[in-house]
Amino acid sequence: MKRGGGVHTVPAASARGWWNKLDGRVLSRHRLKSEAVAAGREIARGLRVEHSIHREDGQISEKNSYGNDPCPPKDGR
């Protein structure tokens, strides 16, 4: 099943902690950001989608693609 938006690791909206979301749905909840990032990475790899990691202010700090990247690097690696 292909997902358009990918997995987002975001700060929890109403409580302390971090969530992994896909298409607006919360997939997992974690106390620490490092735990949420690791879980989000595994989910994104399994679904072959992009993983976006957000900062506490909501801005995206990092993106990793685990699927068919529409903009692959041009350096040949």
C-alpha atoms as a PDB file:
ATOM      1  CA  MET A   1       0.000   0.000   0.000  1.00  0.00           C
ATOM      2  CA  LYS A   2       1.558   3.289  -1.116  1.00  0.00           C
ATOM      3  CA  ARG A   3       1.259   6.308   1.173  1.00  0.00           C
ATOM      4  CA  GLY A   4       1.546   9.847  -0.160  1.00  0.00           C
ATOM      5  CA  GLY A   5       2.674  11.867   2.844  1.00  0.00           C
ATOM      6  CA  GLY A   6       5.043   9.452   4.513  1.00  0.00           C
ATOM      7  CA  VAL A   7       5.775   8.992   8.209  1.00  0.00           C
ATOM      8  CA  HIS A   8       6.182  12.094  10.364  1.00  0.00           C
ATOM      9  CA  THR A   9       7.841  12.055  13.798  1.00  0.00           C
ATOM     10  CA  VAL A  10       6.269  15.009  15.606  1.00  0.00           C
ATOM     11  CA  PRO A  11       5.987  16.390  19.144  1.00  0.00           C
ATOM     12  CA  ALA A  12       2.791  15.233  20.866  1.00  0.00           C
ATOM     13  CA  ALA A  13      -0.019  17.779  20.584  1.00  0.00           C
ATOM     14  CA  SER A  14      -1.466  17.704  24.088  1.00  0.00           C
ATOM     15  CA  ALA A  15       1.077  15.862  26.238  1.00  0.00           C
ATOM     16  CA  ARG A  16       4.777  15.327  26.685  1.00  0.00           C
ATOM     17  CA  GLY A  17       6.361  12.951  24.255  1.00  0.00           C
ATOM     18  CA  TRP A  18       6.582  12.240  20.538  1.00  0.00           C
ATOM     19  CA  TRP A  19       4.258  10.646  17.995  1.00  0.00           C
ATOM     20  CA  ASN A  20       4.732   8.914  14.664  1.00  0.00           C
ATOM     21  CA  LYS A  21       1.943   9.842  12.275  1.00  0.00           C
ATOM     22  CA  LEU A  22       0.907   8.622   8.833  1.00  0.00           C
ATOM     23  CA  ASP A  23      -1.828  10.376   6.863  1.00  0.00           C
ATOM     24  CA  GLY A  24      -2.874  12.225  10.032  1.00  0.00           C
ATOM     25  CA  ARG A  25      -3.265   9.066  12.135  1.00  0.00           C
ATOM     26  CA  VAL A  26      -1.072   8.402  15.163  1.00  0.00           C
ATOM     27  CA  LEU A  27       0.787   5.117  14.655  1.00  0.00           C
ATOM     28  CA  SER A  28       2.896   5.109  17.825  1.00  0.00           C
ATOM     29  CA  ARG A  29       3.540   7.189  20.951  1.00  0.00           C
ATOM     30  CA  HIS A  30       6.908   7.530  22.692  1.00  0.00           C
ATOM     31  CA  ARG A  31       8.343   9.320  25.719  1.00  0.00           C
ATOM     32  CA  LEU A  32      11.674  10.195  24.092  1.00  0.00           C
ATOM     33  CA  LYS A  33      12.361  11.666  20.652  1.00  0.00           C
ATOM     34  CA  SER A  34      15.141   9.131  20.008  1.00  0.00           C
ATOM     35  CA  GLU A  35      12.701   6.251  20.570  1.00  0.00           C
ATOM     36  CA  ALA A  36      10.130   7.846  18.265  1.00  0.00           C
ATOM     37  CA  VAL A  37      12.709   8.449  15.523  1.00  0.00           C
ATOM     38  CA  ALA A  38      13.896   4.824  15.646  1.00  0.00           C
ATOM     39  CA  ALA A  39      10.322   3.507  15.498  1.00  0.00           C
ATOM     40  CA  GLY A  40       9.393   5.942  12.713  1.00  0.00           C
ATOM     41  CA  ARG A  41      12.421   4.857  10.687  1.00  0.00           C
ATOM     42  CA  GLU A  42      11.372   1.206  10.905  1.00  0.00           C
ATOM     43  CA  ILE A  43       7.775   2.029   9.919  1.00  0.00           C
ATOM     44  CA  ALA A  44       8.957   4.115   6.940  1.00  0.00           C
ATOM     45  CA  ARG A  45      11.342   1.368   5.798  1.00  0.00           C
ATOM     46  CA  GLY A  46       8.573  -1.211   5.988  1.00  0.00           C
ATOM     47  CA  LEU A  47       6.166   0.955   4.002  1.00  0.00           C
ATOM     48  CA  ARG A  48       8.928   2.225   1.657  1.00  0.00           C
ATOM     49  CA  VAL A  49       8.007   5.885   2.185  1.00  0.00           C
ATOM     50  CA  GLU A  50       9.714   9.090   3.295  1.00  0.00           C
ATOM     51  CA  HIS A  51      10.393   9.729   7.006  1.00  0.00           C
ATOM     52  CA  SER A  52      10.186  13.368   8.158  1.00  0.00           C
ATOM     53  CA  ILE A  53      11.579  14.240  11.588  1.00  0.00           C
ATOM     54  CA  HIS A  54      10.299  17.451  13.161  1.00  0.00           C
ATOM     55  CA  ARG A  55      11.801  19.701  15.843  1.00  0.00           C
ATOM     56  CA  GLU A  56       9.883  20.705  18.980  1.00  0.00           C
ATOM     57  CA  ASP A  57       8.639  23.850  17.207  1.00  0.00           C
ATOM     58  CA  GLY A  58       7.111  21.730  14.434  1.00  0.00           C
ATOM     59  CA  GLN A  59       9.629  22.563  11.686  1.00  0.00           C
ATOM     60  CA  ILE A  60      11.071  19.654   9.710  1.00  0.00           C
ATOM     61  CA  SER A  61      14.693  19.099  10.687  1.00  0.00           C
ATOM     62  CA  GLU A  62      15.486  16.004   8.636  1.00  0.00           C
ATOM     63  CA  LYS A  63      14.007  13.855   5.853  1.00  0.00           C
ATOM     64  CA  ASN A  64      14.989  10.362   4.769  1.00  0.00           C
ATOM     65  CA  SER A  65      13.541   8.450   1.827  1.00  0.00           C
ATOM     66  CA  TYR A  66      13.197   4.679   2.024  1.00  0.00           C
ATOM     67  CA  GLY A  67      11.174   4.156  -1.129  1.00  0.00           C
ATOM     68  CA  ASN A  68      11.212   5.174  -4.733  1.00  0.00           C
ATOM     69  CA  ASP A  69      12.872   8.594  -4.445  1.00  0.00           C
ATOM     70  CA  PRO A  70      11.462  10.968  -7.097  1.00  0.00           C
ATOM     71  CA  CYS A  71      14.593  13.175  -6.800  1.00  0.00           C
ATOM     72  CA  PRO A  72      17.601  10.855  -6.414  1.00  0.00           C
ATOM     73  CA  PRO A  73      21.050  12.375  -5.856  1.00  0.00           C
ATOM     74  CA  LYS A  74      22.971  13.135  -9.035  1.00  0.00           C
ATOM     75  CA  ASP A  75      26.433  12.239  -7.684  1.00  0.00           C
ATOM     76  CA  GLY A  76      26.049   8.570  -8.622  1.00  0.00           C
ATOM     77  CA  ARG A  77      26.227   7.080  -5.145  1.00  0.00           C
END
